[in-house]
Protein backbone atom coordinates (compact mmCIF):
# COMPACT_ATOMS: atom_id res chain seq x y z
CA UNK A 1 -37.52 153.34 -23.94
CA UNK A 2 -40.35 151.31 -25.50
CA UNK A 3 -43.97 152.41 -25.29
CA UNK A 4 -44.75 149.46 -23.01
CA UNK A 5 -41.96 150.38 -20.64
CA UNK A 6 -42.97 154.01 -20.73
CA UNK A 7 -46.55 153.12 -19.80
CA UNK A 8 -45.31 151.06 -16.88
CA UNK A 9 -43.03 153.88 -15.71
CA UNK A 10 -45.90 156.35 -15.73
CA UNK A 11 -47.93 153.94 -13.58
CA UNK A 12 -45.29 153.88 -10.85
CA UNK A 13 -44.36 157.56 -11.21
CA UNK A 14 -46.44 158.70 -8.18
CA UNK A 15 -44.47 156.34 -5.92
CA UNK A 16 -41.15 157.51 -7.32
CA UNK A 17 -42.08 161.17 -7.03
CA UNK A 18 -42.64 160.63 -3.31
CA UNK A 19 -39.03 159.48 -3.05
CA UNK A 20 -37.44 162.43 -4.82
CA UNK A 21 -35.32 163.06 -7.89
CA UNK A 22 -31.91 163.64 -6.37
CA UNK A 23 -28.94 161.46 -7.34
CA UNK A 24 -28.08 159.16 -4.47
CA UNK A 25 -24.46 158.32 -3.87
CA UNK A 26 -25.27 156.33 -0.76
CA UNK A 27 -28.41 155.90 1.31
CA UNK A 28 -27.95 153.52 4.20
CA UNK A 29 -28.64 154.78 7.69
CA UNK A 30 -26.29 152.58 9.71
CA UNK A 31 -22.72 153.49 10.55
CA UNK A 32 -21.40 150.29 9.02
CA UNK A 33 -22.52 151.34 5.52
CA UNK A 34 -19.60 151.77 3.17
CA UNK A 35 -18.89 151.54 -0.54
CA UNK A 36 -15.87 149.47 -1.52
CA UNK A 37 -13.81 151.12 -4.23
CA UNK A 38 -11.94 148.79 -6.55
CA UNK A 39 -9.71 149.81 -9.45
CA UNK A 40 -11.63 147.72 -11.96
CA UNK A 41 -15.09 149.18 -11.30
CA UNK A 42 -14.75 152.86 -10.45
CA UNK A 43 -14.23 156.30 -11.92
CA UNK A 44 -12.79 157.72 -8.70
CA UNK A 45 -9.14 156.90 -9.41
CA UNK A 46 -7.13 160.11 -9.20
CA UNK A 47 -5.13 159.34 -12.34
CA UNK A 48 -8.13 158.29 -14.44
CA UNK A 49 -10.28 160.95 -16.01
CA UNK A 50 -12.74 158.92 -18.03
CA UNK A 51 -13.43 155.21 -18.15
CA UNK A 52 -16.35 153.04 -19.16
CA UNK A 53 -18.83 153.00 -16.28
CA UNK A 54 -19.49 149.44 -14.97
CA UNK A 55 -23.25 150.08 -14.81
CA UNK A 56 -23.57 151.20 -18.45
CA UNK A 57 -26.80 149.86 -19.92
CA UNK A 58 -28.60 149.88 -16.58
CA UNK A 59 -31.61 152.12 -16.00
CA UNK A 60 -32.47 153.77 -12.67
CA UNK A 61 -34.87 156.36 -11.31
CA UNK A 62 -32.67 159.28 -12.35
CA UNK A 63 -32.75 157.98 -15.94
CA UNK A 64 -36.53 157.69 -15.71
CA UNK A 65 -36.93 161.29 -14.63
CA UNK A 66 -34.49 162.33 -17.35
CA UNK A 67 -36.60 160.54 -19.99
CA UNK A 68 -39.77 162.15 -18.69
CA UNK A 69 -38.62 165.69 -17.96
CA UNK A 70 -35.54 166.00 -20.26
CA UNK A 71 -36.34 163.62 -23.12
CA UNK A 72 -34.04 165.32 -25.64
CA UNK A 73 -30.91 165.29 -23.50
CA UNK A 74 -28.44 162.63 -24.55
CA UNK A 75 -27.12 160.44 -21.77
CA UNK A 76 -23.39 160.55 -21.03
CA UNK A 77 -22.33 156.99 -20.03
CA UNK A 78 -19.14 158.31 -18.41
CA UNK A 79 -20.83 160.98 -16.29
CA UNK A 80 -20.13 160.69 -12.58
CA UNK A 81 -22.93 160.87 -10.05
CA UNK A 82 -22.72 163.54 -7.37
CA UNK A 83 -21.10 162.34 -4.12
CA UNK A 84 -23.29 164.69 -2.04
CA UNK A 85 -27.02 164.21 -1.77
CA UNK A 86 -29.90 165.91 0.01
CA UNK A 87 -32.95 163.70 -0.23
CA UNK A 88 -36.30 162.86 1.35
CA UNK A 89 -36.02 160.20 4.05
CA UNK A 90 -39.05 157.96 3.72
CA UNK A 91 -39.93 154.51 4.94
CA UNK A 92 -42.90 152.43 5.96
CA UNK A 93 -43.39 149.36 8.14
CA UNK A 94 -45.95 148.16 10.69
CA UNK A 95 -43.91 149.45 13.64
CA UNK A 96 -43.31 153.05 12.61
CA UNK A 97 -46.15 153.61 10.13
CA UNK A 98 -45.15 156.08 7.43
CA UNK A 99 -41.93 158.04 7.92
CA UNK A 100 -41.11 161.41 6.41
CA UNK A 101 -38.03 163.52 6.82
CA UNK A 102 -34.86 164.80 5.21
CA UNK A 103 -31.45 163.18 4.89
CA UNK A 104 -28.05 164.42 3.73
CA UNK A 105 -25.38 161.94 2.67
CA UNK A 106 -21.82 162.63 1.51
CA UNK A 107 -19.08 160.32 0.28
CA UNK A 108 -15.41 160.88 -0.49
CA UNK A 109 -12.34 158.71 -1.07
CA UNK A 110 -9.51 159.99 1.14
CA UNK A 111 -6.02 160.04 -0.35
CA UNK A 112 -4.96 158.48 -3.63
CA UNK A 113 -4.00 154.94 -2.64
CA UNK A 114 -5.70 152.16 -4.64
CA UNK A 115 -8.47 150.03 -3.10
CA UNK A 116 -9.33 152.68 -0.53
CA UNK A 117 -12.92 152.45 0.67
CA UNK A 118 -15.16 155.48 0.30
CA UNK A 119 -15.73 157.43 3.54
CA UNK A 120 -19.36 158.22 4.33
CA UNK A 121 -21.07 160.85 6.49
CA UNK A 122 -24.80 161.23 6.96
CA UNK A 123 -27.39 163.14 8.94
CA UNK A 124 -31.15 162.88 9.10
CA UNK A 125 -34.22 164.18 10.89
CA UNK A 126 -37.56 162.38 10.54
CA UNK A 127 -40.98 161.83 12.11
CA UNK A 128 -43.49 159.02 11.65
CA UNK A 129 -47.26 158.77 11.71
CA UNK A 130 -46.99 156.83 15.00
CA UNK A 131 -45.17 159.66 16.76
CA UNK A 132 -41.59 158.39 16.51
CA UNK A 133 -38.99 161.15 16.03
CA UNK A 134 -35.35 160.53 15.09
CA UNK A 135 -32.29 162.72 14.60
CA UNK A 136 -28.82 161.33 13.98
CA UNK A 137 -25.32 162.09 12.73
CA UNK A 138 -23.08 159.24 11.59
CA UNK A 139 -19.72 158.70 9.96
CA UNK A 140 -17.69 155.82 8.55
CA UNK A 141 -14.20 157.04 7.67
CA UNK A 142 -11.44 155.06 5.94
CA UNK A 143 -7.92 156.44 5.87
CA UNK A 144 -5.81 155.95 2.71
CA UNK A 145 -5.25 152.29 1.94
CA UNK A 146 -7.89 151.31 4.54
CA UNK A 147 -5.24 151.32 7.26
CA UNK A 148 -7.74 152.68 9.81
CA UNK A 149 -11.54 152.78 9.89
CA UNK A 150 -13.52 155.03 12.26
CA UNK A 151 -17.23 154.30 12.72
CA UNK A 152 -19.49 156.34 14.94
CA UNK A 153 -22.85 158.00 15.45
CA UNK A 154 -24.85 160.19 17.78
CA UNK A 155 -28.65 160.03 17.90
CA UNK A 156 -31.67 161.36 19.76
CA UNK A 157 -34.88 159.36 19.46
CA UNK A 158 -38.41 159.67 20.78
CA UNK A 159 -39.60 156.07 20.51
CA UNK A 160 -43.06 154.56 20.58
CA UNK A 161 -42.30 150.87 21.11
CA UNK A 162 -44.76 147.99 20.67
CA UNK A 163 -44.11 145.01 22.92
CA UNK A 164 -45.23 141.38 23.27
CA UNK A 165 -43.25 140.02 26.22
CA UNK A 166 -40.15 137.83 26.52
CA UNK A 167 -39.42 134.51 24.85
CA UNK A 168 -41.59 132.00 22.99
CA UNK A 169 -42.73 129.77 25.88
CA UNK A 170 -46.49 129.26 25.95
CA UNK A 171 -46.88 126.84 28.87
CA UNK A 172 -44.07 126.74 31.47
CA UNK A 173 -44.82 129.65 33.82
CA UNK A 174 -45.43 128.97 37.51
CA UNK A 175 -46.50 132.43 38.74
CA UNK A 176 -48.79 135.17 37.46
CA UNK A 177 -45.77 137.45 36.99
CA UNK A 178 -44.09 134.83 34.77
CA UNK A 179 -47.30 134.42 32.74
CA UNK A 180 -47.54 138.16 32.10
CA UNK A 181 -43.87 138.37 31.10
CA UNK A 182 -44.14 135.34 28.77
CA UNK A 183 -47.40 136.75 27.34
CA UNK A 184 -48.74 133.49 25.85
CA UNK A 185 -51.84 135.27 24.52
CA UNK A 186 -49.58 137.66 22.57
CA UNK A 187 -51.32 140.72 23.98
CA UNK A 188 -50.05 143.99 22.57
CA UNK A 189 -48.32 146.34 24.98
CA UNK A 190 -46.75 149.70 24.23
CA UNK A 191 -44.21 152.08 25.75
CA UNK A 192 -42.82 155.52 25.05
CA UNK A 193 -39.35 156.77 25.92
CA UNK A 194 -36.55 159.10 24.88
CA UNK A 195 -33.24 157.54 23.87
CA UNK A 196 -29.86 159.26 23.59
CA UNK A 197 -27.12 157.29 21.87
CA UNK A 198 -23.41 157.81 21.26
CA UNK A 199 -20.98 155.23 19.95
CA UNK A 200 -17.53 155.28 18.39
CA UNK A 201 -15.35 152.41 17.15
CA UNK A 202 -11.93 152.38 15.57
CA UNK A 203 -10.78 149.49 13.39
CA UNK A 204 -7.28 148.56 12.24
CA UNK A 205 -6.83 146.51 9.08
CA UNK A 206 -4.47 143.62 9.90
CA UNK A 207 -4.88 141.64 6.65
CA UNK A 208 -6.78 141.89 3.39
CA UNK A 209 -10.44 142.28 4.40
CA UNK A 210 -9.72 141.61 8.10
CA UNK A 211 -10.22 144.34 10.71
CA UNK A 212 -9.80 144.41 14.49
CA UNK A 213 -11.69 147.09 16.40
CA UNK A 214 -12.54 148.55 19.77
CA UNK A 215 -14.76 151.35 20.99
CA UNK A 216 -17.35 152.68 23.42
CA UNK A 217 -21.13 152.90 23.40
CA UNK A 218 -23.49 154.97 25.54
CA UNK A 219 -27.25 154.27 25.35
CA UNK A 220 -29.43 156.21 27.79
CA UNK A 221 -33.21 155.81 28.04
CA UNK A 222 -35.26 158.43 29.83
CA UNK A 223 -38.93 159.19 30.56
CA UNK A 224 -40.09 155.60 30.02
CA UNK A 225 -43.89 155.62 30.05
CA UNK A 226 -46.28 152.66 29.95
CA UNK A 227 -49.90 153.79 29.58
CA UNK A 228 -51.19 150.23 30.11
CA UNK A 229 -49.86 150.12 33.70
CA UNK A 230 -53.20 151.57 34.78
CA UNK A 231 -54.72 148.20 33.83
CA UNK A 232 -52.12 146.12 35.66
CA UNK A 233 -48.43 145.16 35.49
CA UNK A 234 -46.71 144.85 32.11
CA UNK A 235 -43.74 142.75 30.93
CA UNK A 236 -41.25 145.69 30.97
CA UNK A 237 -42.37 146.79 34.44
CA UNK A 238 -42.16 143.30 35.98
CA UNK A 239 -38.77 142.59 34.36
CA UNK A 240 -37.33 145.89 35.62
CA UNK A 241 -38.52 145.29 39.18
CA UNK A 242 -37.21 141.71 39.17
CA UNK A 243 -33.71 142.76 38.09
CA UNK A 244 -33.41 146.01 40.02
CA UNK A 245 -33.77 148.51 37.16
CA UNK A 246 -35.57 151.82 37.53
CA UNK A 247 -38.72 151.36 35.37
CA UNK A 248 -38.51 155.02 34.33
CA UNK A 249 -34.88 155.26 33.18
CA UNK A 250 -31.66 153.29 32.74
CA UNK A 251 -28.31 153.27 30.95
CA UNK A 252 -26.43 150.71 28.88
CA UNK A 253 -22.87 152.05 28.65
CA UNK A 254 -19.94 149.86 27.78
CA UNK A 255 -16.87 148.82 25.85
CA UNK A 256 -16.93 147.26 22.36
CA UNK A 257 -14.49 144.78 20.83
CA UNK A 258 -14.98 143.52 17.26
CA UNK A 259 -13.44 141.33 14.58
CA UNK A 260 -14.70 141.97 11.05
CA UNK A 261 -13.94 140.09 7.84
CA UNK A 262 -15.34 141.02 4.42
CA UNK A 263 -14.98 139.66 0.90
CA UNK A 264 -18.36 140.79 -0.47
CA UNK A 265 -18.13 142.93 -3.57
CA UNK A 266 -20.56 145.64 -2.39
CA UNK A 267 -22.30 146.62 0.90
CA UNK A 268 -25.61 147.74 -0.62
CA UNK A 269 -26.38 144.79 -2.91
CA UNK A 270 -23.64 142.19 -2.92
CA UNK A 271 -23.42 139.67 -5.76
CA UNK A 272 -20.83 137.44 -4.12
CA UNK A 273 -18.60 137.02 -1.09
CA UNK A 274 -19.15 137.06 2.66
CA UNK A 275 -19.49 139.54 5.49
CA UNK A 276 -18.68 138.48 9.06
CA UNK A 277 -18.63 140.52 12.26
CA UNK A 278 -18.11 139.07 15.75
CA UNK A 279 -18.29 141.46 18.67
CA UNK A 280 -18.30 141.54 22.45
CA UNK A 281 -20.08 144.29 24.34
CA UNK A 282 -19.21 144.82 28.01
CA UNK A 283 -21.62 147.12 29.87
CA UNK A 284 -19.78 148.60 32.86
CA UNK A 285 -21.19 150.37 35.92
CA UNK A 286 -18.00 152.44 36.21
CA UNK A 287 -18.98 153.94 32.82
CA UNK A 288 -22.45 154.82 34.12
CA UNK A 289 -24.26 151.64 33.06
CA UNK A 290 -27.16 150.61 35.28
CA UNK A 291 -25.84 147.03 35.44
CA UNK A 292 -22.82 145.06 34.31
CA UNK A 293 -23.44 142.71 31.38
CA UNK A 294 -21.46 140.94 28.67
CA UNK A 295 -22.95 140.09 25.24
CA UNK A 296 -21.55 138.21 22.27
CA UNK A 297 -22.99 139.35 18.92
CA UNK A 298 -22.42 137.51 15.63
CA UNK A 299 -23.35 138.59 12.10
CA UNK A 300 -22.66 136.33 9.11
CA UNK A 301 -23.83 136.88 5.50
CA UNK A 302 -23.04 134.83 2.40
CA UNK A 303 -23.92 135.62 -1.21
CA UNK A 304 -23.96 133.20 -4.17
CA UNK A 305 -24.34 134.52 -7.72
CA UNK A 306 -26.29 131.93 -9.72
CA UNK A 307 -25.55 133.21 -13.22
CA UNK A 308 -22.36 134.55 -14.86
CA UNK A 309 -24.52 136.43 -17.38
CA UNK A 310 -26.80 137.91 -14.72
CA UNK A 311 -24.70 138.28 -11.54
CA UNK A 312 -27.67 139.88 -9.76
CA UNK A 313 -29.39 136.46 -9.82
CA UNK A 314 -28.51 135.66 -6.20
CA UNK A 315 -29.11 133.29 -3.32
CA UNK A 316 -28.25 135.07 -0.06
CA UNK A 317 -28.01 133.72 3.50
CA UNK A 318 -27.96 135.63 6.80
CA UNK A 319 -27.41 134.58 10.40
CA UNK A 320 -27.53 137.08 13.27
CA UNK A 321 -27.28 136.19 16.93
CA UNK A 322 -26.90 137.86 20.32
CA UNK A 323 -25.98 135.80 23.36
CA UNK A 324 -25.79 136.81 27.02
CA UNK A 325 -22.52 135.68 28.56
CA UNK A 326 -23.03 137.27 31.97
CA UNK A 327 -24.92 140.00 33.81
CA UNK A 328 -28.33 141.53 33.05
CA UNK A 329 -29.55 143.81 30.27
CA UNK A 330 -32.37 146.37 30.61
CA UNK A 331 -35.68 145.28 29.09
CA UNK A 332 -35.56 147.40 25.94
CA UNK A 333 -31.94 146.39 25.30
CA UNK A 334 -32.76 142.68 25.16
CA UNK A 335 -31.97 141.24 21.70
CA UNK A 336 -34.92 140.46 19.48
CA UNK A 337 -36.77 141.07 16.24
CA UNK A 338 -35.22 143.97 14.28
CA UNK A 339 -32.71 144.65 17.06
CA UNK A 340 -29.80 144.27 14.62
CA UNK A 341 -27.73 147.33 13.66
CA UNK A 342 -29.80 148.07 10.56
CA UNK A 343 -33.21 147.19 12.09
CA UNK A 344 -33.95 144.74 9.27
CA UNK A 345 -34.32 141.27 10.82
CA UNK A 346 -37.74 139.68 11.11
CA UNK A 347 -39.70 141.07 8.18
CA UNK A 348 -43.29 140.07 8.93
CA UNK A 349 -43.19 141.28 12.54
CA UNK A 350 -43.00 144.56 14.44
CA UNK A 351 -39.74 145.65 16.11
CA UNK A 352 -39.13 143.68 19.29
CA UNK A 353 -42.12 141.38 18.81
CA UNK A 354 -39.96 138.45 19.90
CA UNK A 355 -37.14 139.07 22.35
CA UNK A 356 -35.12 137.03 24.77
CA UNK A 357 -32.17 136.75 27.09
CA UNK A 358 -30.37 135.40 24.02
CA UNK A 359 -31.65 135.53 20.45
CA UNK A 360 -30.89 133.93 17.07
CA UNK A 361 -32.13 134.77 13.58
CA UNK A 362 -31.63 133.16 10.18
CA UNK A 363 -32.88 134.17 6.73
CA UNK A 364 -32.56 133.03 3.14
CA UNK A 365 -33.46 135.31 0.22
CA UNK A 366 -33.67 134.59 -3.49
CA UNK A 367 -33.06 137.66 -5.67
CA UNK A 368 -33.76 137.69 -9.40
CA UNK A 369 -33.78 140.26 -12.22
CA UNK A 370 -37.03 141.06 -14.01
CA UNK A 371 -35.90 143.60 -16.61
CA UNK A 372 -32.71 143.47 -18.66
CA UNK A 373 -32.02 147.10 -17.73
CA UNK A 374 -32.04 146.11 -14.00
CA UNK A 375 -34.71 148.74 -13.35
CA UNK A 376 -37.00 146.11 -11.87
CA UNK A 377 -36.08 142.99 -9.94
CA UNK A 378 -37.75 140.77 -7.38
CA UNK A 379 -37.11 138.80 -4.19
CA UNK A 380 -38.66 136.06 -2.10
CA UNK A 381 -37.51 135.44 1.47
CA UNK A 382 -38.05 133.16 4.46
CA UNK A 383 -36.82 133.67 8.01
CA UNK A 384 -36.90 132.01 11.43
CA UNK A 385 -36.08 133.37 14.87
CA UNK A 386 -35.51 131.85 18.29
CA UNK A 387 -35.33 133.35 21.80
CA UNK A 388 -34.50 132.03 25.25
CA UNK A 389 -36.24 133.15 28.43
CA UNK A 390 -35.93 132.93 32.22
CA UNK A 391 -38.50 130.15 32.75
CA UNK A 392 -36.74 127.27 31.08
CA UNK A 393 -36.81 127.79 27.31
CA UNK A 394 -33.36 127.42 25.76
CA UNK A 395 -32.10 129.16 22.66
CA UNK A 396 -32.87 127.12 19.49
CA UNK A 397 -35.56 125.14 21.36
CA UNK A 398 -38.44 127.05 19.76
CA UNK A 399 -38.60 128.82 16.39
CA UNK A 400 -41.04 131.27 14.84
CA UNK A 401 -41.23 131.71 11.04
CA UNK A 402 -41.82 134.62 8.71
CA UNK A 403 -41.57 135.28 5.01
CA UNK A 404 -42.76 137.17 1.99
CA UNK A 405 -41.90 138.62 -1.39
CA UNK A 406 -41.13 141.98 -2.90
CA UNK A 407 -40.20 144.19 -5.82
CA UNK A 408 -37.00 146.17 -6.26
CA UNK A 409 -36.72 149.43 -8.22
CA UNK A 410 -33.17 150.49 -9.10
CA UNK A 411 -32.82 153.78 -7.26
CA UNK A 412 -29.18 154.54 -8.03
CA UNK A 413 -27.18 152.31 -10.35
CA UNK A 414 -23.84 153.87 -9.34
CA UNK A 415 -24.20 152.48 -5.80
CA UNK A 416 -26.55 149.52 -6.45
CA UNK A 417 -29.15 151.21 -4.27
CA UNK A 418 -32.62 149.69 -4.59
CA UNK A 419 -36.01 150.96 -3.48
CA UNK A 420 -37.40 147.89 -1.67
CA UNK A 421 -41.13 147.18 -1.54
CA UNK A 422 -41.91 144.01 0.46
CA UNK A 423 -45.02 142.35 1.82
CA UNK A 424 -44.29 139.92 4.65
CA UNK A 425 -46.23 137.53 6.88
CA UNK A 426 -45.62 136.20 10.37
CA UNK A 427 -47.58 134.30 12.99
CA UNK A 428 -50.22 135.62 15.41
CA UNK A 429 -51.76 137.85 12.76
CA UNK A 430 -48.55 139.72 11.99
CA UNK A 431 -48.26 140.96 8.42
CA UNK A 432 -47.55 144.19 6.65
CA UNK A 433 -45.90 146.30 3.97
CA UNK A 434 -42.22 147.21 4.34
CA UNK A 435 -40.75 150.10 2.32
CA UNK A 436 -37.14 151.23 2.47
CA UNK A 437 -33.87 151.80 0.66
CA UNK A 438 -31.28 149.04 0.21
CA UNK A 439 -31.56 145.33 0.78
CA UNK A 440 -32.27 143.91 4.23
CA UNK A 441 -28.80 142.35 4.18
């Protein structure tokens, strides 16, 4: 390591120390996070003891700490990283403030068939400076040869939720209740509630990269509190009364049906390929749901590598949408900003800042290397989102933009895990710093 590089590393050392020194085999929090194991780029093959590691020559945070605290130890380029990790769980964004907690992640390839995807299990407990508390257990299990895939999680959350009404219509209301719900002045509201979540899906591989799945989901909200009700009605309160929901509690319990197709080369930081998931959720009163409702959810991601020499020079596209087909959803289950599985859409805004009866989101991100060792890289991104409402605005009729730029620090080269530091802007004074592990998509 050159003296210039060493000086730079010492400058960012306080940030890295706050993350921790443990080797990370996988660090995504959603149940769809998996690592694809291919014969040409892994050491996990049962009949292979030592091969050349595909990330040889790259430099990550573990290497940095080794250079600083164990400078005389020679690196072993064939050394495997531990598949089990206990690590700090930190994040920051304008919605949650600063998050601190602990996370445990484990990964294992089941059986000895080639091209079997690594199975992942994770658990975490965390608290934020804005009073949000989260505990979850999750798993994503692949049987040998990827014949079956089981995805599931259970979570308990105390949420402090900012809110800014429904839709993007600034002029079309006809009653005072519609004006409050549309919130044209973008007043900030806030709610608190407890959420208890259980979901389980089972997928069957029917062709290379193609999975069909079905499952169940139970999402129960309790002790919903709105301190601003003392000053008058709020958007959540008016919506709940209009559609017959109890403003203090409700359930969204239903059946899940999904089709998933993947050709991307990695889930954490893909260089090429696509990821597509199309799902239908059917909330059912016979399962304890407060109302019947049917949603169609689409998730499409495409990655283009722009350089054979530097495959991490990437142009990436993302489209996520949620469309109501029938029925009525509770207020806090309406699709909107950061309501995707990984809570990553809409950088530049707080969670749920825009929401609607149906919702669409699109983003483009340019990713580029900065250092030859891959320790530092950068991104720029731009996104737009659209929401329909109940007073005449159709989906795709109005759009709201956001965008920004960020740095990436290679956190674990074995799993392409990056520490992501972004600054993003939106409209209506929205802006902020976003810190987390792994790319937004």
